[in-house]
N, C-alpha and C. Protein backbone atom coordinates (compact mmCIF):
# COMPACT_ATOMS: atom_id res chain seq x y z
N UNK A 1 47.96 92.08 56.19
CA UNK A 1 48.07 93.30 55.43
C UNK A 1 49.45 93.91 55.67
N UNK A 2 50.20 94.26 54.63
CA UNK A 2 51.55 94.79 54.81
C UNK A 2 51.51 96.21 55.38
N UNK A 3 52.53 96.55 56.15
CA UNK A 3 52.66 97.92 56.67
C UNK A 3 53.11 98.85 55.57
N UNK A 4 52.63 100.10 55.58
CA UNK A 4 53.08 101.06 54.57
C UNK A 4 54.58 101.33 54.76
N UNK A 5 55.21 101.71 53.67
CA UNK A 5 56.65 101.98 53.79
C UNK A 5 56.89 103.23 54.63
N UNK A 6 58.11 103.40 55.11
CA UNK A 6 58.47 104.48 56.02
C UNK A 6 58.20 105.86 55.42
N UNK A 7 58.50 106.07 54.17
CA UNK A 7 58.29 107.38 53.52
C UNK A 7 56.81 107.74 53.53
N UNK A 8 55.95 106.76 53.28
CA UNK A 8 54.51 107.00 53.29
C UNK A 8 54.05 107.41 54.69
N UNK A 9 54.50 106.68 55.72
CA UNK A 9 54.11 106.98 57.10
C UNK A 9 54.58 108.36 57.51
N UNK A 10 55.81 108.73 57.16
CA UNK A 10 56.33 110.05 57.51
C UNK A 10 55.52 111.14 56.81
N UNK A 11 55.16 110.93 55.55
CA UNK A 11 54.37 111.91 54.82
C UNK A 11 53.00 112.08 55.47
N UNK A 12 52.34 110.99 55.83
CA UNK A 12 51.02 111.07 56.46
C UNK A 12 51.12 111.81 57.80
N UNK A 13 52.17 111.57 58.57
CA UNK A 13 52.36 112.24 59.85
C UNK A 13 52.55 113.73 59.65
N UNK A 14 53.36 114.12 58.68
CA UNK A 14 53.63 115.53 58.42
C UNK A 14 52.39 116.26 57.94
N UNK A 15 51.48 115.57 57.26
CA UNK A 15 50.27 116.22 56.79
C UNK A 15 49.41 116.71 57.94
N UNK A 16 49.51 116.12 59.11
CA UNK A 16 48.72 116.52 60.27
C UNK A 16 49.27 117.78 60.93
N UNK A 17 50.50 118.12 60.66
CA UNK A 17 51.15 119.28 61.28
C UNK A 17 50.79 120.55 60.51
N UNK A 18 50.64 121.66 61.26
CA UNK A 18 50.31 122.94 60.63
C UNK A 18 51.52 123.86 60.58
N UNK A 19 52.58 123.41 60.09
CA UNK A 19 53.75 124.27 59.97
C UNK A 19 54.99 123.59 60.50
N UNK A 20 56.09 124.25 60.26
CA UNK A 20 57.39 123.76 60.65
C UNK A 20 57.55 123.86 62.16
N UNK A 21 58.27 122.92 62.72
CA UNK A 21 58.60 122.96 64.15
C UNK A 21 60.10 122.85 64.28
N UNK A 22 60.64 123.62 65.22
CA UNK A 22 62.09 123.59 65.42
C UNK A 22 62.40 123.47 66.91
N UNK A 23 63.48 122.79 67.20
CA UNK A 23 63.97 122.74 68.58
C UNK A 23 64.49 124.12 68.93
N UNK A 24 63.96 124.70 69.98
CA UNK A 24 64.41 126.02 70.38
C UNK A 24 64.04 126.26 71.84
N UNK A 25 65.01 126.70 72.60
CA UNK A 25 64.80 126.98 74.02
C UNK A 25 64.53 128.48 74.16
N UNK A 26 63.25 128.83 74.26
CA UNK A 26 62.83 130.23 74.39
C UNK A 26 62.27 130.42 75.80
N UNK A 27 62.76 131.43 76.54
CA UNK A 27 62.18 131.68 77.86
C UNK A 27 60.78 132.28 77.71
N UNK A 28 59.82 131.75 78.47
CA UNK A 28 58.44 132.21 78.39
C UNK A 28 57.88 132.40 79.79
N UNK A 29 56.86 133.24 79.87
CA UNK A 29 56.04 133.36 81.08
C UNK A 29 54.68 132.79 80.73
N UNK A 30 54.16 131.96 81.62
CA UNK A 30 52.84 131.36 81.45
C UNK A 30 51.96 131.92 82.55
N UNK A 31 50.79 132.45 82.15
CA UNK A 31 49.85 133.01 83.13
C UNK A 31 48.50 132.33 82.97
N UNK A 32 47.85 132.02 84.10
CA UNK A 32 46.55 131.37 84.07
C UNK A 32 45.79 131.73 85.35
N UNK A 33 44.50 131.45 85.33
CA UNK A 33 43.66 131.66 86.50
C UNK A 33 43.67 130.41 87.34
N UNK A 34 44.01 130.57 88.61
CA UNK A 34 44.06 129.44 89.53
C UNK A 34 42.67 129.01 89.98
N UNK A 35 42.58 127.94 90.77
CA UNK A 35 41.29 127.38 91.17
C UNK A 35 40.40 128.35 91.94
N UNK A 36 40.97 129.25 92.71
CA UNK A 36 40.15 130.20 93.47
C UNK A 36 40.07 131.56 92.79
N UNK A 37 40.38 131.59 91.49
CA UNK A 37 40.25 132.82 90.71
C UNK A 37 41.46 133.73 90.72
N UNK A 38 42.50 133.37 91.45
CA UNK A 38 43.69 134.22 91.48
C UNK A 38 44.52 134.03 90.22
N UNK A 39 45.17 135.09 89.77
CA UNK A 39 46.07 134.99 88.62
C UNK A 39 47.38 134.37 89.08
N UNK A 40 47.86 133.39 88.32
CA UNK A 40 49.10 132.69 88.63
C UNK A 40 50.05 132.86 87.46
N UNK A 41 51.34 133.04 87.76
CA UNK A 41 52.35 133.23 86.72
C UNK A 41 53.55 132.36 87.05
N UNK A 42 54.10 131.73 86.03
CA UNK A 42 55.32 130.93 86.19
C UNK A 42 56.19 131.14 84.96
N UNK A 43 57.49 131.13 85.18
CA UNK A 43 58.42 131.21 84.06
C UNK A 43 58.87 129.80 83.71
N UNK A 44 59.07 129.59 82.41
CA UNK A 44 59.43 128.28 81.90
C UNK A 44 60.28 128.47 80.64
N UNK A 45 60.48 127.40 79.91
CA UNK A 45 61.18 127.48 78.63
C UNK A 45 60.55 126.48 77.66
N UNK A 46 60.69 126.78 76.40
CA UNK A 46 60.19 125.88 75.37
C UNK A 46 61.26 124.85 75.03
N UNK A 47 60.82 123.76 74.44
CA UNK A 47 61.73 122.78 73.85
C UNK A 47 61.59 122.81 72.33
N UNK A 48 60.34 122.99 71.89
CA UNK A 48 60.03 123.02 70.45
C UNK A 48 59.07 124.18 70.23
N UNK A 49 59.27 124.92 69.15
CA UNK A 49 58.34 126.00 68.79
C UNK A 49 57.92 125.84 67.34
N UNK A 50 56.73 126.34 67.06
CA UNK A 50 56.19 126.37 65.71
C UNK A 50 55.28 127.58 65.60
N UNK A 51 54.82 127.90 64.41
CA UNK A 51 54.01 129.10 64.23
C UNK A 51 52.68 129.05 64.99
N UNK A 52 52.23 127.87 65.38
CA UNK A 52 50.93 127.74 66.04
C UNK A 52 51.01 127.24 67.48
N UNK A 53 52.21 127.11 68.02
CA UNK A 53 52.31 126.65 69.39
C UNK A 53 53.71 126.23 69.79
N UNK A 54 53.78 125.48 70.89
CA UNK A 54 55.08 125.07 71.41
C UNK A 54 54.93 123.88 72.35
N UNK A 55 56.06 123.27 72.63
CA UNK A 55 56.18 122.30 73.71
C UNK A 55 56.96 123.02 74.79
N UNK A 56 56.36 123.15 75.96
CA UNK A 56 56.97 123.88 77.05
C UNK A 56 57.19 122.95 78.22
N UNK A 57 58.18 123.24 79.04
CA UNK A 57 58.42 122.50 80.27
C UNK A 57 58.09 123.45 81.42
N UNK A 58 57.08 123.07 82.20
CA UNK A 58 56.54 123.93 83.26
C UNK A 58 56.53 123.16 84.58
N UNK A 59 56.91 123.81 85.66
CA UNK A 59 56.96 123.12 86.96
C UNK A 59 55.56 122.77 87.47
N UNK A 60 54.53 123.54 87.09
CA UNK A 60 53.16 123.26 87.54
C UNK A 60 52.51 122.21 86.64
N UNK A 61 51.63 121.44 87.25
CA UNK A 61 50.88 120.41 86.54
C UNK A 61 49.51 120.98 86.18
N UNK A 62 49.36 121.50 84.98
CA UNK A 62 48.09 122.09 84.55
C UNK A 62 47.29 121.07 83.75
N UNK A 63 45.97 121.20 83.79
CA UNK A 63 45.10 120.25 83.12
C UNK A 63 44.94 120.57 81.64
N UNK A 64 44.52 119.55 80.90
CA UNK A 64 44.23 119.70 79.48
C UNK A 64 43.14 120.75 79.30
N UNK A 65 43.22 121.48 78.19
CA UNK A 65 42.27 122.51 77.79
C UNK A 65 42.26 123.73 78.71
N UNK A 66 43.28 123.85 79.55
CA UNK A 66 43.41 125.03 80.41
C UNK A 66 43.77 126.22 79.54
N UNK A 67 43.02 127.30 79.69
CA UNK A 67 43.30 128.54 78.95
C UNK A 67 44.36 129.32 79.72
N UNK A 68 45.28 129.89 78.97
CA UNK A 68 46.37 130.63 79.58
C UNK A 68 46.89 131.69 78.63
N UNK A 69 47.91 132.40 79.06
CA UNK A 69 48.58 133.40 78.22
C UNK A 69 50.06 133.08 78.23
N UNK A 70 50.64 133.08 77.03
CA UNK A 70 52.08 132.82 76.87
C UNK A 70 52.74 134.13 76.47
N UNK A 71 53.80 134.49 77.18
CA UNK A 71 54.60 135.67 76.82
C UNK A 71 56.02 135.22 76.52
N UNK A 72 56.49 135.58 75.33
CA UNK A 72 57.88 135.33 74.94
C UNK A 72 58.72 136.36 75.69
N UNK A 73 59.56 135.92 76.61
CA UNK A 73 60.34 136.85 77.43
C UNK A 73 61.51 137.47 76.67
N UNK A 74 61.79 136.99 75.48
CA UNK A 74 62.86 137.58 74.67
C UNK A 74 62.38 138.85 73.96
N UNK A 75 61.17 138.80 73.38
CA UNK A 75 60.67 139.97 72.64
C UNK A 75 59.41 140.57 73.28
N UNK A 76 58.95 140.00 74.39
CA UNK A 76 57.82 140.50 75.18
C UNK A 76 56.48 140.47 74.44
N UNK A 77 56.38 139.63 73.41
CA UNK A 77 55.09 139.44 72.74
C UNK A 77 54.28 138.43 73.54
N UNK A 78 52.97 138.63 73.54
CA UNK A 78 52.09 137.81 74.34
C UNK A 78 50.93 137.30 73.49
N UNK A 79 50.40 136.12 73.84
CA UNK A 79 49.34 135.50 73.04
C UNK A 79 48.48 134.59 73.93
N UNK A 80 47.14 134.64 73.77
CA UNK A 80 46.31 133.66 74.47
C UNK A 80 46.58 132.27 73.92
N UNK A 81 46.40 131.26 74.77
CA UNK A 81 46.75 129.89 74.37
C UNK A 81 45.91 128.89 75.16
N UNK A 82 46.06 127.62 74.79
CA UNK A 82 45.35 126.53 75.46
C UNK A 82 46.25 125.30 75.47
N UNK A 83 46.17 124.52 76.54
CA UNK A 83 46.94 123.28 76.62
C UNK A 83 46.22 122.20 75.82
N UNK A 84 46.92 121.64 74.84
CA UNK A 84 46.31 120.63 73.96
C UNK A 84 46.95 119.25 74.09
N UNK A 85 48.05 119.17 74.83
CA UNK A 85 48.74 117.89 75.00
C UNK A 85 49.49 117.91 76.31
N UNK A 86 49.51 116.79 76.99
CA UNK A 86 50.23 116.68 78.25
C UNK A 86 51.14 115.48 78.17
N UNK A 87 52.42 115.71 78.36
CA UNK A 87 53.40 114.65 78.29
C UNK A 87 53.79 114.16 79.67
N UNK A 88 55.03 113.80 79.79
CA UNK A 88 55.55 113.21 81.02
C UNK A 88 56.06 114.27 81.98
N UNK A 89 56.08 113.91 83.25
CA UNK A 89 56.72 114.75 84.23
C UNK A 89 58.22 114.43 84.21
N UNK A 90 59.03 115.44 84.05
CA UNK A 90 60.49 115.31 84.04
C UNK A 90 61.04 115.95 85.31
N UNK A 91 62.32 115.84 85.53
CA UNK A 91 62.95 116.45 86.71
C UNK A 91 62.70 117.96 86.74
N UNK A 92 62.71 118.62 85.56
CA UNK A 92 62.54 120.07 85.51
C UNK A 92 61.08 120.51 85.38
N UNK A 93 60.16 119.57 85.24
CA UNK A 93 58.74 119.93 85.18
C UNK A 93 57.96 119.08 84.19
N UNK A 94 56.73 119.51 83.94
CA UNK A 94 55.81 118.81 83.03
C UNK A 94 56.00 119.27 81.60
N UNK A 95 55.95 118.34 80.66
CA UNK A 95 55.94 118.67 79.24
C UNK A 95 54.49 118.96 78.85
N UNK A 96 54.26 120.15 78.29
CA UNK A 96 52.91 120.55 77.89
C UNK A 96 52.92 121.06 76.46
N UNK A 97 51.99 120.57 75.66
CA UNK A 97 51.80 121.07 74.31
C UNK A 97 50.82 122.22 74.37
N UNK A 98 51.22 123.38 73.89
CA UNK A 98 50.41 124.58 73.98
C UNK A 98 50.11 125.09 72.57
N UNK A 99 48.84 125.32 72.30
CA UNK A 99 48.41 125.91 71.03
C UNK A 99 48.18 127.40 71.23
N UNK A 100 48.80 128.21 70.39
CA UNK A 100 48.57 129.65 70.41
C UNK A 100 47.24 129.93 69.71
N UNK A 101 46.35 130.67 70.36
CA UNK A 101 45.01 130.88 69.80
C UNK A 101 44.95 132.02 68.80
N UNK A 102 45.79 133.02 68.94
CA UNK A 102 45.82 134.14 67.99
C UNK A 102 47.27 134.43 67.62
N UNK A 103 47.95 133.46 67.01
CA UNK A 103 49.40 133.65 66.77
C UNK A 103 49.65 134.76 65.76
N UNK A 104 50.68 135.52 66.03
CA UNK A 104 51.11 136.54 65.08
C UNK A 104 52.45 136.15 64.49
N UNK A 105 52.68 136.59 63.29
CA UNK A 105 53.96 136.31 62.64
C UNK A 105 55.10 136.86 63.51
N UNK A 106 56.13 136.08 63.67
CA UNK A 106 57.28 136.53 64.43
C UNK A 106 57.15 136.42 65.92
N UNK A 107 56.12 135.74 66.41
CA UNK A 107 55.93 135.61 67.85
C UNK A 107 57.18 135.06 68.54
N UNK A 108 57.82 134.07 67.94
CA UNK A 108 58.99 133.45 68.54
C UNK A 108 60.28 134.18 68.21
N UNK A 109 60.26 135.13 67.31
CA UNK A 109 61.49 135.82 66.91
C UNK A 109 62.38 134.95 66.06
N UNK A 110 61.79 133.94 65.40
CA UNK A 110 62.53 133.00 64.55
C UNK A 110 61.87 132.94 63.19
N UNK A 111 62.61 132.57 62.17
CA UNK A 111 62.03 132.34 60.85
C UNK A 111 61.47 130.94 60.82
N UNK A 112 60.14 130.83 60.84
CA UNK A 112 59.49 129.51 60.81
C UNK A 112 58.70 129.34 59.53
């Protein structure tokens, strides 16, 4: 069976996305409840942002489906979120895909 052409594959991939994504380094604070119930906070930065989430690099290794709060440190807007993807550990930390659960327009301070 022949492989679909590149344009078809790119179109099918884009259909799964819920909005535009852009490379952008936004400083964020990530807050979550630790194993013994204590509130934990870490500062990080995004690599990619979109209207429904981001790819963030965080020094802590958090598990999939962990509920947290993301605060954009540039405009101080905050939103509940959940980890939906876990990438590789890099020198600066773990790559984590985060979905914003109640995103508001302008959360990132960018036109998306």
